[in-house]
Amino acid sequence: MFAAAFGVDLEAVFLVSRFIISAPSRFHVPPSFLKPLGKLLKLKLLVYENLLSNRINSLLKLTGDVFLKHVRRLNYSMIYNNSVWKNRRIMNAIYELREGESRIKEKHAKGELPAELIPSEKIQKTATLAASMGTTLWFTRDELEKQNMLDVLIACGQFTMCWNLLEYIYNLKKDKSNTTAAHEAIIRCEESILDDWKKFQASPTWMVEQYNTKLKLEKSH
């Protein structure tokens, strides 16, 4: 059985090597391009492995960091530089309220943001933890059990959205161009949203905890 398997492996290697050798003539590759092949064939297997690994990593880097970021920039530019979307867009990013974000303090210093919308230290720490979460399809046991990352991410989305709505309303009241009756309805929600924001300032995860408590009670009945 071992001999048969070994024979199959040898045959597969032979067929692959024949295909590689005959490939240049099949695809009409000019002889000038084949001259460096002699040197490449003398390299050790480990060198090929490193070359291939570096190439794959650079391709992933190019796709994930360069290309996709460029696409996002184009999309943002199309929305934010078009007057059609004035007062009809809200940005909500996970990193907006994390520690070290000077943009909020600068807005407050310029009179573009009221003092009550400066996030508390608790909110900033929670947002910093949430922003540290990598783009993965799952959570590690440490992230779930020690960091409670799932609730942290949900809470960050909640208080960041709350903050963005209040900033949106604050700016809307100063400039109501390109608005409809629906915008007036949003403005009327300011007091309620502000109450939620004050709760977030004191306890960033209060809404998640409230939901979890309600869920446990429903399951117990």
Protein backbone atom coordinates (compact mmCIF):
# COMPACT_ATOMS: atom_id res chain seq x y z
CA MET A 1 0.00 0.00 0.00
CA PHE A 2 2.86 2.32 0.90
CA ALA A 3 4.62 1.48 -2.37
CA ALA A 4 1.46 2.24 -4.35
CA ALA A 5 1.01 5.61 -2.61
CA PHE A 6 4.67 6.46 -3.13
CA GLY A 7 4.33 5.57 -6.81
CA VAL A 8 1.28 7.83 -7.18
CA ASP A 9 3.19 10.70 -5.52
CA LEU A 10 6.13 10.25 -7.86
CA GLU A 11 3.83 10.21 -10.87
CA ALA A 12 2.13 13.41 -9.69
CA VAL A 13 5.50 15.14 -9.21
CA PHE A 14 6.58 13.93 -12.67
CA LEU A 15 3.42 15.28 -14.32
CA VAL A 16 3.67 18.63 -12.55
CA SER A 17 7.35 19.00 -13.46
CA ARG A 18 6.59 18.15 -17.12
CA PHE A 19 3.82 20.76 -17.16
CA ILE A 20 6.11 23.42 -15.69
CA ILE A 21 8.90 22.62 -18.16
CA SER A 22 6.55 22.69 -21.15
CA ALA A 23 4.61 25.75 -19.97
CA PRO A 24 6.95 28.39 -21.52
CA SER A 25 6.65 26.91 -25.01
CA ARG A 26 2.89 26.46 -24.67
CA PHE A 27 2.38 30.08 -23.68
CA HIS A 28 4.98 31.35 -26.19
CA VAL A 29 7.22 32.91 -23.55
CA PRO A 30 10.20 34.73 -25.22
CA PRO A 31 13.63 33.13 -24.55
CA SER A 32 14.88 36.35 -22.93
CA PHE A 33 12.42 35.83 -20.08
CA LEU A 34 13.65 32.28 -19.49
CA LYS A 35 17.31 33.15 -18.87
CA PRO A 36 16.88 34.01 -15.14
CA LEU A 37 15.09 30.70 -14.53
CA GLY A 38 18.37 28.85 -14.22
CA LYS A 39 19.36 30.96 -11.21
CA LEU A 40 15.92 30.68 -9.66
CA LEU A 41 15.99 26.87 -9.89
CA LYS A 42 19.20 26.82 -7.85
CA LEU A 43 17.58 28.54 -4.87
CA LYS A 44 16.69 26.55 -1.76
CA LEU A 45 13.08 25.68 -0.98
CA LEU A 46 13.12 27.94 2.11
CA VAL A 47 13.88 30.94 -0.11
CA TYR A 48 10.87 30.18 -2.28
CA GLU A 49 8.74 29.86 0.84
CA ASN A 50 9.85 33.30 2.07
CA LEU A 51 9.32 34.88 -1.34
CA LEU A 52 5.83 33.44 -1.61
CA SER A 53 4.94 34.40 1.98
CA ASN A 54 6.14 37.99 1.48
CA ARG A 55 4.22 38.27 -1.77
CA ILE A 56 0.98 37.04 -0.18
CA ASN A 57 1.39 39.38 2.81
CA SER A 58 2.05 42.39 0.57
CA LEU A 59 -1.00 41.51 -1.54
CA LEU A 60 -3.21 41.29 1.56
CA LYS A 61 -1.77 44.57 2.84
CA LEU A 62 -2.44 46.24 -0.48
CA THR A 63 -6.00 44.94 -0.62
CA GLY A 64 -6.94 45.58 3.01
CA ASP A 65 -5.12 48.79 3.88
CA VAL A 66 -4.49 50.63 0.64
CA PHE A 67 -7.26 49.71 -1.77
CA LEU A 68 -10.17 49.47 0.69
CA LYS A 69 -9.16 52.69 2.49
CA HIS A 70 -9.03 54.47 -0.85
CA VAL A 71 -12.54 53.20 -1.68
CA ARG A 72 -13.79 54.42 1.71
CA ARG A 73 -12.22 57.84 1.16
CA LEU A 74 -13.96 58.12 -2.21
CA ASN A 75 -17.30 57.18 -0.66
CA TYR A 76 -16.88 59.66 2.20
CA SER A 77 -15.84 62.39 -0.21
CA MET A 78 -18.87 61.73 -2.41
CA ILE A 79 -21.24 62.07 0.57
CA TYR A 80 -19.61 64.87 2.56
CA ASN A 81 -18.73 67.11 -0.39
CA ASN A 82 -22.17 66.91 -1.95
CA SER A 83 -24.61 69.63 -0.78
CA VAL A 84 -27.52 67.24 -1.41
CA TRP A 85 -26.53 65.38 1.78
CA LYS A 86 -26.17 68.48 3.97
CA ASN A 87 -27.93 67.93 7.32
CA ARG A 88 -28.89 64.43 6.13
CA ARG A 89 -25.88 62.40 7.24
CA ILE A 90 -24.40 61.29 10.56
CA MET A 91 -21.03 59.62 11.02
CA ASN A 92 -20.91 56.97 13.75
CA ALA A 93 -17.50 55.35 14.28
CA ILE A 94 -16.35 53.16 17.14
CA TYR A 95 -13.21 55.23 17.78
CA GLU A 96 -14.81 58.70 17.97
CA LEU A 97 -14.96 58.97 21.78
CA ARG A 98 -11.83 57.03 22.73
CA GLU A 99 -8.99 58.46 24.80
CA GLY A 100 -6.61 60.85 23.06
CA GLU A 101 -9.14 62.08 20.47
CA SER A 102 -8.35 65.80 20.41
CA ARG A 103 -11.07 66.57 17.84
CA ILE A 104 -13.78 66.86 20.51
CA LYS A 105 -11.81 69.30 22.68
CA GLU A 106 -10.94 71.36 19.61
CA LYS A 107 -14.62 71.57 18.64
CA HIS A 108 -15.51 72.70 22.15
CA ALA A 109 -12.74 75.31 22.15
CA LYS A 110 -14.07 76.71 18.85
CA GLY A 111 -17.63 76.88 20.18
CA GLU A 112 -18.77 74.06 17.87
CA LEU A 113 -19.67 71.72 20.73
CA PRO A 114 -21.31 72.36 24.14
CA ALA A 115 -19.42 71.36 27.29
CA GLU A 116 -22.04 68.74 28.21
CA LEU A 117 -21.06 66.69 25.14
CA ILE A 118 -17.45 66.25 26.26
CA PRO A 119 -17.32 62.51 27.08
CA SER A 120 -16.51 61.41 30.61
CA GLU A 121 -13.39 59.46 31.49
CA LYS A 122 -15.50 56.29 31.82
CA ILE A 123 -16.87 56.68 28.30
CA GLN A 124 -13.42 57.35 26.86
CA LYS A 125 -11.95 54.24 28.50
CA THR A 126 -14.84 52.08 27.31
CA ALA A 127 -14.50 53.44 23.75
CA THR A 128 -10.74 52.84 23.83
CA LEU A 129 -11.30 49.21 24.82
CA ALA A 130 -13.93 48.75 22.11
CA ALA A 131 -11.69 50.30 19.44
CA SER A 132 -8.91 47.87 20.37
CA MET A 133 -11.02 44.94 19.15
CA GLY A 134 -9.63 43.54 15.93
CA THR A 135 -11.69 42.77 12.83
CA THR A 136 -12.32 39.07 13.44
CA LEU A 137 -15.20 36.63 13.02
CA TRP A 138 -15.10 35.48 16.65
CA PHE A 139 -14.19 36.46 20.21
CA THR A 140 -11.47 34.80 22.25
CA ARG A 141 -12.35 33.35 25.65
CA ASP A 142 -10.29 36.09 27.32
CA GLU A 143 -12.22 38.81 25.43
CA LEU A 144 -15.56 37.35 26.47
CA GLU A 145 -14.84 36.32 30.06
CA LYS A 146 -12.30 38.91 31.26
CA GLN A 147 -12.91 41.95 29.07
CA ASN A 148 -16.64 41.42 28.44
CA MET A 149 -15.89 42.65 24.92
CA LEU A 150 -19.29 41.88 23.39
CA ASP A 151 -21.13 44.15 25.85
CA VAL A 152 -18.37 46.76 25.54
CA LEU A 153 -18.80 46.90 21.75
CA ILE A 154 -22.58 47.16 21.99
CA ALA A 155 -22.34 49.86 24.66
CA CYS A 156 -19.80 51.81 22.60
CA GLY A 157 -22.17 51.77 19.64
CA GLN A 158 -25.02 52.97 21.84
CA PHE A 159 -23.33 55.91 23.57
CA THR A 160 -21.46 56.96 20.42
CA MET A 161 -24.74 57.05 18.48
CA CYS A 162 -26.32 59.01 21.32
CA TRP A 163 -23.45 61.52 21.24
CA ASN A 164 -23.62 61.88 17.45
CA LEU A 165 -27.38 62.51 17.54
CA LEU A 166 -26.91 65.27 20.10
CA GLU A 167 -24.11 66.87 18.07
CA TYR A 168 -26.31 66.57 14.97
CA ILE A 169 -29.23 68.29 16.72
CA TYR A 170 -26.91 70.98 18.09
CA ASN A 171 -25.68 71.80 14.57
CA LEU A 172 -29.15 71.44 13.09
CA LYS A 173 -30.57 74.14 15.35
CA LYS A 174 -27.87 76.54 14.11
CA ASP A 175 -28.47 75.80 10.42
CA LYS A 176 -31.77 74.29 9.23
CA SER A 177 -31.05 74.45 5.52
CA ASN A 178 -32.01 71.40 3.44
CA THR A 179 -34.32 70.07 6.16
CA THR A 180 -37.89 68.77 6.32
CA ALA A 181 -40.55 68.19 8.97
CA ALA A 182 -38.77 64.96 9.88
CA HIS A 183 -35.79 67.00 11.12
CA GLU A 184 -38.07 68.93 13.48
CA ALA A 185 -39.23 65.61 14.91
CA ILE A 186 -35.57 64.69 15.57
CA ILE A 187 -34.97 68.02 17.32
CA ARG A 188 -37.95 67.36 19.61
CA CYS A 189 -36.17 64.19 20.80
CA GLU A 190 -33.23 66.19 22.17
CA GLU A 191 -34.32 66.18 25.80
CA SER A 192 -34.89 62.42 25.84
CA ILE A 193 -31.56 61.72 24.11
CA LEU A 194 -29.78 64.10 26.49
CA ASP A 195 -31.18 62.18 29.47
CA ASP A 196 -29.73 58.97 28.02
CA TRP A 197 -26.40 60.70 27.43
CA LYS A 198 -26.19 61.78 31.08
CA LYS A 199 -26.74 58.16 32.11
CA PHE A 200 -24.01 57.05 29.71
CA GLN A 201 -21.65 59.63 31.20
CA ALA A 202 -22.07 58.02 34.62
CA SER A 203 -22.30 54.39 33.44
CA PRO A 204 -21.36 53.67 29.78
CA THR A 205 -22.88 50.17 29.86
CA TRP A 206 -26.18 51.01 31.60
CA MET A 207 -28.35 50.31 28.55
CA VAL A 208 -26.69 46.94 27.89
CA GLU A 209 -27.02 45.97 31.56
CA GLN A 210 -30.69 46.97 31.53
CA TYR A 211 -31.32 44.79 28.49
CA ASN A 212 -29.39 41.83 29.95
CA THR A 213 -31.39 42.06 33.19
CA LYS A 214 -34.65 42.15 31.26
CA LEU A 215 -33.55 39.15 29.19
CA LYS A 216 -32.70 37.12 32.29
CA LEU A 217 -36.09 37.91 33.85
CA GLU A 218 -37.90 36.82 30.68
CA LYS A 219 -35.97 33.54 30.59
CA SER A 220 -36.65 32.83 34.25
CA HIS A 221 -40.44 33.03 33.77
